[in-house]
Amino acid sequence: MKKLGVGVGVAQGNDVIFEHYQEGGEMWTGTGNREARKWIAFQEPFKSAPSVQCSLTLWDVDSATNLRADIEAENIGETGFHLVFRTWGDSKIARIRASWLAIGSVPDDDAWEVY
């Protein structure tokens, strides 16, 4: 985690959410559960839940079907969040990779706690 000034931290990453084309997974066959979740754990905890921004960095899709995609962060907490990808209809998704950026307050090592 990078620390910017006093009490602000930035964490980032780039993660594969799924690769369903090799084993005939649900996203690739176009049937079944059309949602994939991956727990992302921060290397260091934030002081409170940070703001998290997600974006697709790789999408490998079937060109014969419509492309539908929704990506977001859910269950954001001090230690991590769920990176969630959804599709629907006849979309066939082989694999998805996403980047994420979390910005929030972090404990200040120089702050004194007076009892």
Protein backbone atom coordinates (compact mmCIF):
# COMPACT_ATOMS: atom_id res chain seq x y z
CA MET A 1 0.00 0.00 0.00
CA LYS A 2 1.18 3.50 -0.82
CA LYS A 3 0.66 6.09 1.86
CA LEU A 4 -0.06 9.63 0.73
CA GLY A 5 0.53 12.25 3.37
CA VAL A 6 -1.00 11.75 6.77
CA GLY A 7 -3.70 9.11 7.03
CA VAL A 8 -4.43 8.36 3.34
CA GLY A 9 -3.56 5.05 1.67
CA VAL A 10 -3.85 3.67 -1.86
CA ALA A 11 -3.91 -0.04 -2.72
CA GLN A 12 -4.23 -1.47 -6.22
CA GLY A 13 -4.22 -4.75 -8.06
CA ASN A 14 -5.01 -6.65 -11.24
CA ASP A 15 -6.72 -10.03 -10.85
CA VAL A 16 -8.23 -12.77 -13.02
CA ILE A 17 -11.79 -13.33 -11.84
CA PHE A 18 -12.34 -16.51 -13.87
CA GLU A 19 -11.19 -18.55 -16.89
CA HIS A 20 -14.12 -20.73 -17.98
CA TYR A 21 -13.20 -21.62 -21.55
CA GLN A 22 -10.85 -24.50 -20.69
CA GLU A 23 -13.22 -26.54 -18.53
CA GLY A 24 -16.54 -25.52 -20.10
CA GLY A 25 -17.60 -23.32 -17.18
CA GLU A 26 -20.96 -21.62 -16.87
CA MET A 27 -19.83 -18.24 -18.18
CA TRP A 28 -18.50 -19.87 -21.36
CA THR A 29 -21.42 -22.24 -21.99
CA GLY A 30 -23.94 -19.46 -21.41
CA THR A 31 -26.00 -21.43 -18.90
CA GLY A 32 -26.23 -21.59 -15.12
CA ASN A 33 -24.90 -19.00 -12.70
CA ARG A 34 -23.96 -15.84 -14.59
CA GLU A 35 -22.08 -14.24 -11.71
CA ALA A 36 -18.47 -14.73 -10.56
CA ARG A 37 -17.00 -13.39 -7.31
CA LYS A 38 -13.44 -13.18 -6.09
CA TRP A 39 -12.38 -12.07 -2.61
CA ILE A 40 -9.63 -9.46 -2.76
CA ALA A 41 -7.66 -9.08 0.49
CA PHE A 42 -5.69 -5.88 1.04
CA GLN A 43 -2.05 -6.39 2.06
CA GLU A 44 -2.60 -3.89 4.89
CA PRO A 45 -5.95 -3.00 6.44
CA PHE A 46 -7.53 0.42 6.04
CA LYS A 47 -8.80 2.34 9.07
CA SER A 48 -12.33 2.23 7.63
CA ALA A 49 -13.88 0.90 4.42
CA PRO A 50 -12.12 2.60 1.46
CA SER A 51 -13.59 3.75 -1.84
CA VAL A 52 -12.95 1.09 -4.51
CA GLN A 53 -12.99 1.56 -8.29
CA CYS A 54 -12.96 -1.45 -10.67
CA SER A 55 -12.41 -1.75 -14.42
CA LEU A 56 -12.03 -4.53 -16.97
CA THR A 57 -8.48 -5.04 -18.23
CA LEU A 58 -9.10 -8.25 -20.24
CA TRP A 59 -12.28 -9.70 -21.64
CA ASP A 60 -12.22 -12.73 -23.86
CA VAL A 61 -15.70 -13.24 -25.33
CA ASP A 62 -17.53 -15.16 -28.03
CA SER A 63 -18.09 -12.92 -31.05
CA ALA A 64 -21.26 -14.77 -32.08
CA THR A 65 -23.27 -13.56 -29.07
CA ASN A 66 -24.12 -10.22 -27.50
CA LEU A 67 -21.62 -8.79 -25.05
CA ARG A 68 -23.11 -7.87 -21.68
CA ALA A 69 -20.95 -7.04 -18.67
CA ASP A 70 -21.31 -5.58 -15.21
CA ILE A 71 -18.36 -5.27 -12.80
CA GLU A 72 -18.34 -3.83 -9.31
CA ALA A 73 -16.94 -4.02 -5.80
CA GLU A 74 -19.24 -5.39 -3.09
CA ASN A 75 -18.93 -6.01 0.65
CA ILE A 76 -16.13 -3.46 0.97
CA GLY A 77 -14.45 -3.52 4.37
CA GLU A 78 -11.18 -2.55 6.04
CA THR A 79 -9.47 -5.80 5.00
CA GLY A 80 -10.84 -6.41 1.49
CA PHE A 81 -13.84 -6.69 -0.83
CA HIS A 82 -15.57 -8.93 -3.35
CA LEU A 83 -14.74 -8.22 -6.99
CA VAL A 84 -17.96 -9.19 -8.83
CA PHE A 85 -18.54 -9.79 -12.55
CA ARG A 86 -22.00 -10.46 -14.00
CA THR A 87 -23.38 -11.18 -17.45
CA TRP A 88 -26.81 -12.27 -18.71
CA GLY A 89 -28.73 -13.41 -21.76
CA ASP A 90 -26.80 -15.32 -24.43
CA SER A 91 -23.39 -13.73 -23.66
CA LYS A 92 -20.51 -16.21 -23.60
CA ILE A 93 -17.48 -15.06 -21.59
CA ALA A 94 -14.28 -17.10 -21.72
CA ARG A 95 -12.27 -15.12 -19.15
CA ILE A 96 -12.20 -11.82 -17.32
CA ARG A 97 -9.39 -9.88 -15.66
CA ALA A 98 -10.02 -6.67 -13.75
CA SER A 99 -7.97 -3.95 -12.11
CA TRP A 100 -9.00 -2.22 -8.92
CA LEU A 101 -7.96 0.82 -6.93
CA ALA A 102 -8.81 1.41 -3.26
CA ILE A 103 -8.34 4.79 -1.57
CA GLY A 104 -9.09 5.44 2.08
CA SER A 105 -7.94 6.35 5.52
CA VAL A 106 -5.15 4.34 7.13
CA PRO A 107 -3.82 4.28 10.66
CA ASP A 108 -1.24 7.01 11.30
CA ASP A 109 1.87 5.48 12.89
CA ASP A 110 2.82 8.88 14.31
CA ALA A 111 -0.56 9.56 15.95
CA TRP A 112 -0.58 9.16 19.68
CA GLU A 113 -3.50 7.72 21.51
CA VAL A 114 -4.03 9.40 24.87
CA TYR A 115 -5.90 7.42 27.50
